[in-house]
């Protein structure tokens, strides 16, 4: 009894389970079908998008080709009467279209003409040259016969003259060698006389320079000497430098002296409006002899400078500056000094 109930319960449960499994299987099948349908719709959408893009691209390509070849298309439609055969009439824009004629190159014909001309010219040249060649051959044969006769006649004369002409040829060759040796550049250089250097003309003038003589009683006197000096562009500077150098040995033997301080140098010199501006260094201010020495050095310079006709007086400068007094003795140099300043 118990076993029957158990078996019955198991059968019922098995049927329930089998029903439930069938339901689950059908549910899964339906879900799979729906997913496939969704995927197919997506693929269709994508394929339709690709087809639409390809169609647009093809349309653009055709449009570009049409625009580029528009004249050719219109002319072909007009010449073939495409619309007239299909529809019975051609549109107005095709009828109005003008068909352009293509130019055919004429290269082959030109080449043929040139070749024909060349052939004709060669034939003409051949016909014209033949009589000339025949004449030249005739002239050659005549000249050859004449030359053979001349050779036979002159053979004996040549033998006679060979002996007589040998000596003169040797003499002529020797003369040519001597002439070429004489005219060679080596001999020409030897014969050229050495160039004598041109003598420069030097003009010398006697310039007057003033020194001082000290007598036995100690008195100072002015002494003028003359020096031969080469002429130059700055005679005033030259004479001042000679004065600053002092007397030579011969002049010193006579007792002539210069009381200008040793180490004095002329820095610059210029002449304006009859006044000579002489610029000395600072050694010019220190004279060891005293008052007479200052007077003597100024007198020497003024008299030497005023020997020039363009100089009437001298303005003394020390290191480029004009000073009023010279030395501790206080000799006036603030204005130009002339010869009358020392009388």
Protein backbone atom coordinates (compact mmCIF):
# COMPACT_ATOMS: atom_id res chain seq x y z
CA UNK A 1 0.00 0.00 0.00
CA UNK A 2 2.75 2.33 1.03
CA UNK A 3 4.81 1.46 -2.03
CA UNK A 4 1.89 2.21 -4.35
CA UNK A 5 1.43 5.65 -2.84
CA UNK A 6 5.12 6.30 -3.08
CA UNK A 7 5.23 5.30 -6.70
CA UNK A 8 2.19 7.39 -7.46
CA UNK A 9 3.78 10.42 -5.78
CA UNK A 10 6.97 9.90 -7.69
CA UNK A 11 5.13 9.70 -10.98
CA UNK A 12 3.27 12.89 -10.31
CA UNK A 13 6.46 14.66 -9.26
CA UNK A 14 8.26 13.38 -12.37
CA UNK A 15 5.53 14.70 -14.60
CA UNK A 16 5.69 18.05 -12.87
CA UNK A 17 9.44 18.15 -13.27
CA UNK A 18 9.21 17.16 -16.88
CA UNK A 19 6.63 19.86 -17.51
CA UNK A 20 8.78 22.41 -15.77
CA UNK A 21 11.81 21.37 -17.85
CA UNK A 22 9.86 21.68 -21.06
CA UNK A 23 8.71 25.11 -20.04
CA UNK A 24 12.28 26.21 -19.22
CA UNK A 25 13.55 24.79 -22.51
CA UNK A 26 10.88 26.60 -24.50
CA UNK A 27 11.63 29.80 -22.61
CA UNK A 28 15.30 29.54 -23.43
CA UNK A 29 14.48 28.83 -27.07
CA UNK A 30 12.23 31.85 -27.30
CA UNK A 31 14.89 34.09 -25.69
CA UNK A 32 17.50 32.84 -28.17
CA UNK A 33 15.17 33.50 -31.09
CA UNK A 34 14.45 37.01 -29.83
CA UNK A 35 18.19 37.71 -29.43
CA UNK A 36 18.85 36.49 -32.97
CA UNK A 37 16.06 38.69 -34.27
CA UNK A 38 17.53 41.72 -32.45
CA UNK A 39 20.98 41.00 -33.89
CA UNK A 40 19.55 40.57 -37.35
CA UNK A 41 17.82 43.92 -37.08
CA UNK A 42 21.11 45.57 -36.06
CA UNK A 43 22.96 43.92 -38.95
CA UNK A 44 20.21 45.02 -41.30
CA UNK A 45 20.50 48.57 -40.07
CA UNK A 46 24.28 48.50 -40.51
CA UNK A 47 24.01 46.94 -43.96
CA UNK A 48 21.43 49.50 -45.02
CA UNK A 49 23.74 52.31 -43.79
CA UNK A 50 26.66 50.88 -45.76
CA UNK A 51 24.53 50.49 -48.85
CA UNK A 52 23.31 54.05 -48.56
CA UNK A 53 26.88 55.37 -48.21
CA UNK A 54 28.05 53.33 -51.22
CA UNK A 55 25.14 54.61 -53.26
CA UNK A 56 26.00 58.25 -52.40
CA UNK A 57 29.67 57.65 -53.25
CA UNK A 58 28.78 56.12 -56.60
CA UNK A 59 26.45 59.01 -57.35
CA UNK A 60 29.21 61.54 -56.60
CA UNK A 61 31.67 59.67 -58.83
CA UNK A 62 29.18 59.65 -61.68
CA UNK A 63 28.46 63.34 -61.15
CA UNK A 64 32.18 64.22 -61.29
CA UNK A 65 32.68 62.13 -64.43
CA UNK A 66 29.67 63.79 -66.00
CA UNK A 67 30.96 67.28 -65.20
CA UNK A 68 34.42 66.49 -66.56
CA UNK A 69 33.19 64.79 -69.73
CA UNK A 70 30.10 66.91 -70.21
CA UNK A 71 31.07 68.17 -73.66
CA UNK A 72 31.97 64.69 -74.89
CA UNK A 73 28.72 63.21 -73.54
CA UNK A 74 26.58 65.93 -75.16
CA UNK A 75 28.42 65.58 -78.46
CA UNK A 76 28.06 61.76 -78.45
CA UNK A 77 24.34 62.01 -77.65
CA UNK A 78 23.88 64.49 -80.47
CA UNK A 79 25.85 62.55 -83.08
CA UNK A 80 24.30 59.14 -82.21
CA UNK A 81 20.72 60.58 -81.90
CA UNK A 82 20.19 58.61 -78.69
CA UNK A 83 17.10 60.50 -77.48
CA UNK A 84 15.57 60.62 -80.96
CA UNK A 85 15.74 56.82 -81.33
CA UNK A 86 14.35 56.09 -77.85
CA UNK A 87 11.89 58.94 -77.26
CA UNK A 88 11.35 60.30 -80.80
CA UNK A 89 12.79 63.79 -80.07
CA UNK A 90 16.01 65.24 -78.72
CA UNK A 91 16.05 67.89 -75.95
CA UNK A 92 16.86 71.51 -76.84
CA UNK A 93 20.05 71.75 -74.74
CA UNK A 94 21.54 68.83 -76.73
CA UNK A 95 20.46 70.29 -80.07
CA UNK A 96 22.04 73.66 -79.16
CA UNK A 97 25.30 72.02 -78.11
CA UNK A 98 28.14 72.63 -80.62
CA UNK A 99 30.29 69.64 -81.44
CA UNK A 100 34.02 70.54 -81.30
CA UNK A 101 36.16 69.17 -84.08
CA UNK A 102 39.34 67.43 -82.95
CA UNK A 103 42.54 68.42 -84.70
CA UNK A 104 44.40 65.50 -86.17
CA UNK A 105 48.22 65.84 -86.08
CA UNK A 106 49.93 65.79 -89.46
CA UNK A 107 53.32 64.49 -88.38
CA UNK A 108 53.50 61.50 -90.69
CA UNK A 109 52.80 63.50 -93.84
CA UNK A 110 55.53 66.05 -92.98
CA UNK A 111 58.08 63.31 -92.45
CA UNK A 112 57.22 61.71 -95.76
CA UNK A 113 57.59 65.02 -97.56
CA UNK A 114 61.00 65.59 -96.01
CA UNK A 115 62.22 62.16 -96.96
CA UNK A 116 60.93 62.64 -100.50
CA UNK A 117 62.73 65.99 -100.74
CA UNK A 118 65.97 64.43 -99.49
CA UNK A 119 65.76 61.65 -102.04
CA UNK A 120 65.11 64.14 -104.85
CA UNK A 121 67.99 66.36 -103.73
CA UNK A 122 70.36 63.39 -103.56
CA UNK A 123 69.34 62.30 -107.05
CA UNK A 124 69.86 65.83 -108.39
CA UNK A 125 73.24 66.06 -106.69
CA UNK A 126 74.26 62.73 -108.14
CA UNK A 127 73.38 63.84 -111.68
CA UNK A 128 75.14 67.19 -111.19
CA UNK A 129 78.31 65.71 -109.62
CA UNK A 130 78.93 63.03 -112.27
CA UNK A 131 80.09 65.44 -115.07
CA UNK A 132 82.24 67.34 -112.56
CA UNK A 133 83.99 64.14 -111.46
CA UNK A 134 84.66 63.21 -115.08
CA UNK A 135 86.21 66.66 -115.75
CA UNK A 136 88.39 66.41 -112.63
CA UNK A 137 89.69 62.99 -113.72
CA UNK A 138 90.55 64.37 -117.15
CA UNK A 139 92.41 67.34 -115.62
CA UNK A 140 94.35 65.04 -113.28
CA UNK A 141 95.50 62.80 -116.14
CA UNK A 142 96.63 65.85 -118.16
CA UNK A 143 98.49 67.34 -115.18
CA UNK A 144 100.20 64.04 -114.45
CA UNK A 145 101.51 63.79 -118.01
CA UNK A 146 102.80 67.38 -117.90
CA UNK A 147 104.49 66.86 -114.53
CA UNK A 148 106.27 63.72 -115.76
CA UNK A 149 107.71 65.67 -118.68
CA UNK A 150 108.88 68.45 -116.40
CA UNK A 151 110.56 65.97 -114.07
CA UNK A 152 112.49 64.41 -116.94
CA UNK A 153 113.64 67.83 -118.21
CA UNK A 154 114.57 69.22 -114.81
CA UNK A 155 116.34 66.05 -113.59
CA UNK A 156 119.61 67.03 -115.23
CA UNK A 157 119.40 70.65 -114.07
CA UNK A 158 118.84 69.60 -110.45
CA UNK A 159 121.97 67.45 -110.45
CA UNK A 160 124.05 70.39 -111.68
CA UNK A 161 122.73 72.89 -109.17
CA UNK A 162 123.02 70.57 -106.13
CA UNK A 163 126.79 70.96 -105.98
CA UNK A 164 126.73 74.74 -106.33
CA UNK A 165 123.97 75.26 -103.75
CA UNK A 166 125.46 73.22 -100.89
CA UNK A 167 128.00 75.87 -99.79
CA UNK A 168 125.69 78.90 -99.85
CA UNK A 169 123.12 76.99 -97.74
CA UNK A 170 125.72 76.32 -95.07
CA UNK A 171 126.71 79.98 -95.03
CA UNK A 172 123.07 81.07 -94.78
CA UNK A 173 122.42 78.69 -91.86
CA UNK A 174 125.46 80.07 -90.00
CA UNK A 175 124.24 83.62 -90.55
CA UNK A 176 120.80 82.69 -89.21
CA UNK A 177 122.34 81.12 -86.07
CA UNK A 178 124.44 84.24 -85.41
CA UNK A 179 121.42 86.53 -85.85
CA UNK A 180 119.26 84.39 -83.52
CA UNK A 181 122.04 84.44 -80.90
CA UNK A 182 122.27 88.22 -81.16
CA UNK A 183 118.52 88.68 -80.85
CA UNK A 184 118.13 86.22 -77.94
CA UNK A 185 116.76 87.75 -74.69
CA UNK A 186 119.93 86.75 -72.77
CA UNK A 187 122.16 88.85 -75.06
CA UNK A 188 119.68 91.70 -75.06
CA UNK A 189 119.79 91.82 -71.26
CA UNK A 190 123.60 91.91 -71.32
CA UNK A 191 123.64 94.80 -73.74
CA UNK A 192 121.18 96.85 -71.69
CA UNK A 193 122.93 99.64 -69.83
CA UNK A 194 122.45 99.85 -66.07
CA UNK A 195 119.98 102.47 -65.05
CA UNK A 196 121.54 105.49 -63.46
CA UNK A 197 119.58 106.66 -60.40
CA UNK A 198 118.09 110.06 -60.90
CA UNK A 199 119.77 112.76 -58.88
CA UNK A 200 117.50 114.62 -56.57
CA UNK A 201 117.99 118.35 -56.63
CA UNK A 202 118.55 119.52 -53.05
CA UNK A 203 118.24 123.21 -52.38
CA UNK A 204 120.21 124.51 -49.41
CA UNK A 205 119.58 127.88 -47.78
CA UNK A 206 121.64 129.74 -45.20
CA UNK A 207 119.58 130.25 -42.05
CA UNK A 208 120.44 132.80 -39.33
CA UNK A 209 120.65 131.53 -35.76
CA UNK A 210 121.32 133.71 -32.67
CA UNK A 211 123.60 132.75 -29.76
CA UNK A 212 125.21 134.72 -26.89
CA UNK A 213 128.80 135.80 -26.25
CA UNK A 214 129.98 136.51 -22.68
CA UNK A 215 132.75 139.07 -22.52
CA UNK A 216 135.65 139.28 -20.02
CA UNK A 217 133.75 141.77 -17.95
CA UNK A 218 130.67 139.46 -17.86
CA UNK A 219 128.56 141.45 -20.26
CA UNK A 220 126.26 139.54 -22.65
CA UNK A 221 126.18 140.28 -26.35
CA UNK A 222 124.10 138.84 -29.18
CA UNK A 223 125.95 136.87 -31.90
CA UNK A 224 124.43 135.75 -35.23
CA UNK A 225 125.73 132.75 -37.12
CA UNK A 226 124.62 131.18 -40.44
CA UNK A 227 123.96 127.51 -40.97
CA UNK A 228 123.41 125.74 -44.34
CA UNK A 229 119.98 124.07 -44.01
CA UNK A 230 118.13 121.92 -46.52
CA UNK A 231 114.93 123.55 -47.70
CA UNK A 232 111.80 121.98 -46.21
CA UNK A 233 108.14 122.70 -45.49
CA UNK A 234 108.63 123.82 -41.83
CA UNK A 235 111.70 126.06 -41.67
CA UNK A 236 110.63 127.72 -38.40
CA UNK A 237 110.57 124.39 -36.56
CA UNK A 238 113.93 123.44 -38.13
CA UNK A 239 115.60 126.67 -36.99
CA UNK A 240 114.17 126.34 -33.47
CA UNK A 241 115.54 122.81 -33.13
CA UNK A 242 118.98 123.96 -34.36
CA UNK A 243 118.91 126.74 -31.73
CA UNK A 244 117.91 124.33 -28.94
CA UNK A 245 120.75 121.95 -29.96
CA UNK A 246 123.28 124.73 -29.22
CA UNK A 247 126.46 125.82 -30.98
CA UNK A 248 128.74 123.36 -32.74
CA UNK A 249 132.45 122.87 -31.90
CA UNK A 250 133.67 125.62 -34.18
CA UNK A 251 131.17 128.11 -32.74
CA UNK A 252 131.94 127.06 -29.20
CA UNK A 253 135.64 127.72 -29.93
CA UNK A 254 134.73 131.30 -30.68
CA UNK A 255 133.07 131.60 -27.27
CA UNK A 256 129.46 131.45 -28.49
CA UNK A 257 126.96 129.96 -26.07
CA UNK A 258 123.22 129.33 -25.69
CA UNK A 259 121.55 130.30 -22.40
CA UNK A 260 118.36 128.34 -23.11
CA UNK A 261 117.96 125.74 -20.30
CA UNK A 262 119.10 122.23 -21.07
CA UNK A 263 116.26 119.75 -21.73
CA UNK A 264 114.07 122.39 -23.36
CA UNK A 265 111.99 120.97 -26.22
CA UNK A 266 109.69 122.59 -28.77
CA UNK A 267 106.26 120.91 -28.55
CA UNK A 268 104.48 122.82 -31.33
CA UNK A 269 104.77 125.89 -33.55
CA UNK A 270 102.30 127.90 -35.63
CA UNK A 271 102.09 131.36 -37.22
CA UNK A 272 98.91 133.48 -37.32
CA UNK A 273 98.69 137.18 -38.27
CA UNK A 274 102.45 137.73 -37.96
CA UNK A 275 102.63 136.13 -34.49
CA UNK A 276 104.58 132.88 -33.97
CA UNK A 277 103.01 130.74 -31.22
CA UNK A 278 105.87 128.62 -29.81
CA UNK A 279 104.94 125.96 -27.24
CA UNK A 280 107.80 124.67 -25.00
CA UNK A 281 107.96 122.10 -22.22
CA UNK A 282 108.24 123.01 -18.54
CA UNK A 283 112.07 122.94 -18.58
CA UNK A 284 111.93 126.31 -20.35
CA UNK A 285 110.94 127.94 -17.01
CA UNK A 286 114.11 127.07 -15.05
CA UNK A 287 117.25 129.08 -15.88
CA UNK A 288 120.23 128.78 -13.51
CA UNK A 289 121.93 131.98 -14.68
CA UNK A 290 119.24 134.24 -13.28
CA UNK A 291 117.73 137.44 -14.67
CA UNK A 292 120.29 137.80 -17.49
CA UNK A 293 119.79 134.17 -18.44
CA UNK A 294 115.99 134.59 -18.81
CA UNK A 295 116.51 137.74 -20.91
CA UNK A 296 119.07 135.99 -23.11
CA UNK A 297 116.96 132.86 -23.77
CA UNK A 298 113.94 134.95 -24.78
CA UNK A 299 116.09 137.21 -26.96
CA UNK A 300 117.69 134.22 -28.79
CA UNK A 301 114.30 132.77 -29.68
CA UNK A 302 112.66 136.08 -30.71
CA UNK A 303 115.55 137.13 -32.98
CA UNK A 304 115.84 133.68 -34.61
CA UNK A 305 112.07 133.48 -35.25
CA UNK A 306 111.72 137.03 -36.62
CA UNK A 307 114.30 136.35 -39.32
CA UNK A 308 111.31 135.08 -41.33
CA UNK A 309 109.33 137.77 -43.13
CA UNK A 310 106.00 136.30 -41.92
CA UNK A 311 106.91 136.60 -38.21
CA UNK A 312 106.91 139.92 -36.38
CA UNK A 313 106.62 138.76 -32.76
CA UNK A 314 106.56 135.61 -30.60
CA UNK A 315 103.96 134.45 -28.08
CA UNK A 316 105.51 132.01 -25.58
CA UNK A 317 103.47 129.04 -24.29
CA UNK A 318 104.44 126.57 -21.55
CA UNK A 319 102.89 123.11 -21.93
CA UNK A 320 100.19 124.64 -24.16
CA UNK A 321 99.24 127.39 -21.64
CA UNK A 322 99.93 131.11 -21.82
CA UNK A 323 101.61 132.45 -18.66
CA UNK A 324 102.16 136.08 -17.64
CA UNK A 325 105.63 135.80 -16.08
CA UNK A 326 108.65 133.57 -16.63
CA UNK A 327 110.62 132.21 -13.67
CA UNK A 328 111.03 133.59 -10.20
CA UNK A 329 112.49 136.87 -11.55
CA UNK A 330 109.13 137.74 -13.05
CA UNK A 331 109.92 138.52 -16.71
CA UNK A 332 106.78 139.38 -18.68
CA UNK A 333 105.68 136.84 -21.35
CA UNK A 334 101.90 137.42 -21.17
CA UNK A 335 101.86 139.14 -24.58
CA UNK A 336 103.81 138.66 -27.85
CA UNK A 337 107.46 139.80 -27.66
CA UNK A 338 109.28 141.46 -30.59
CA UNK A 339 112.86 142.63 -31.17
CA UNK A 340 112.02 146.02 -29.72
CA UNK A 341 111.32 144.31 -26.38
CA UNK A 342 115.10 143.78 -25.90
CA UNK A 343 116.52 147.21 -26.81
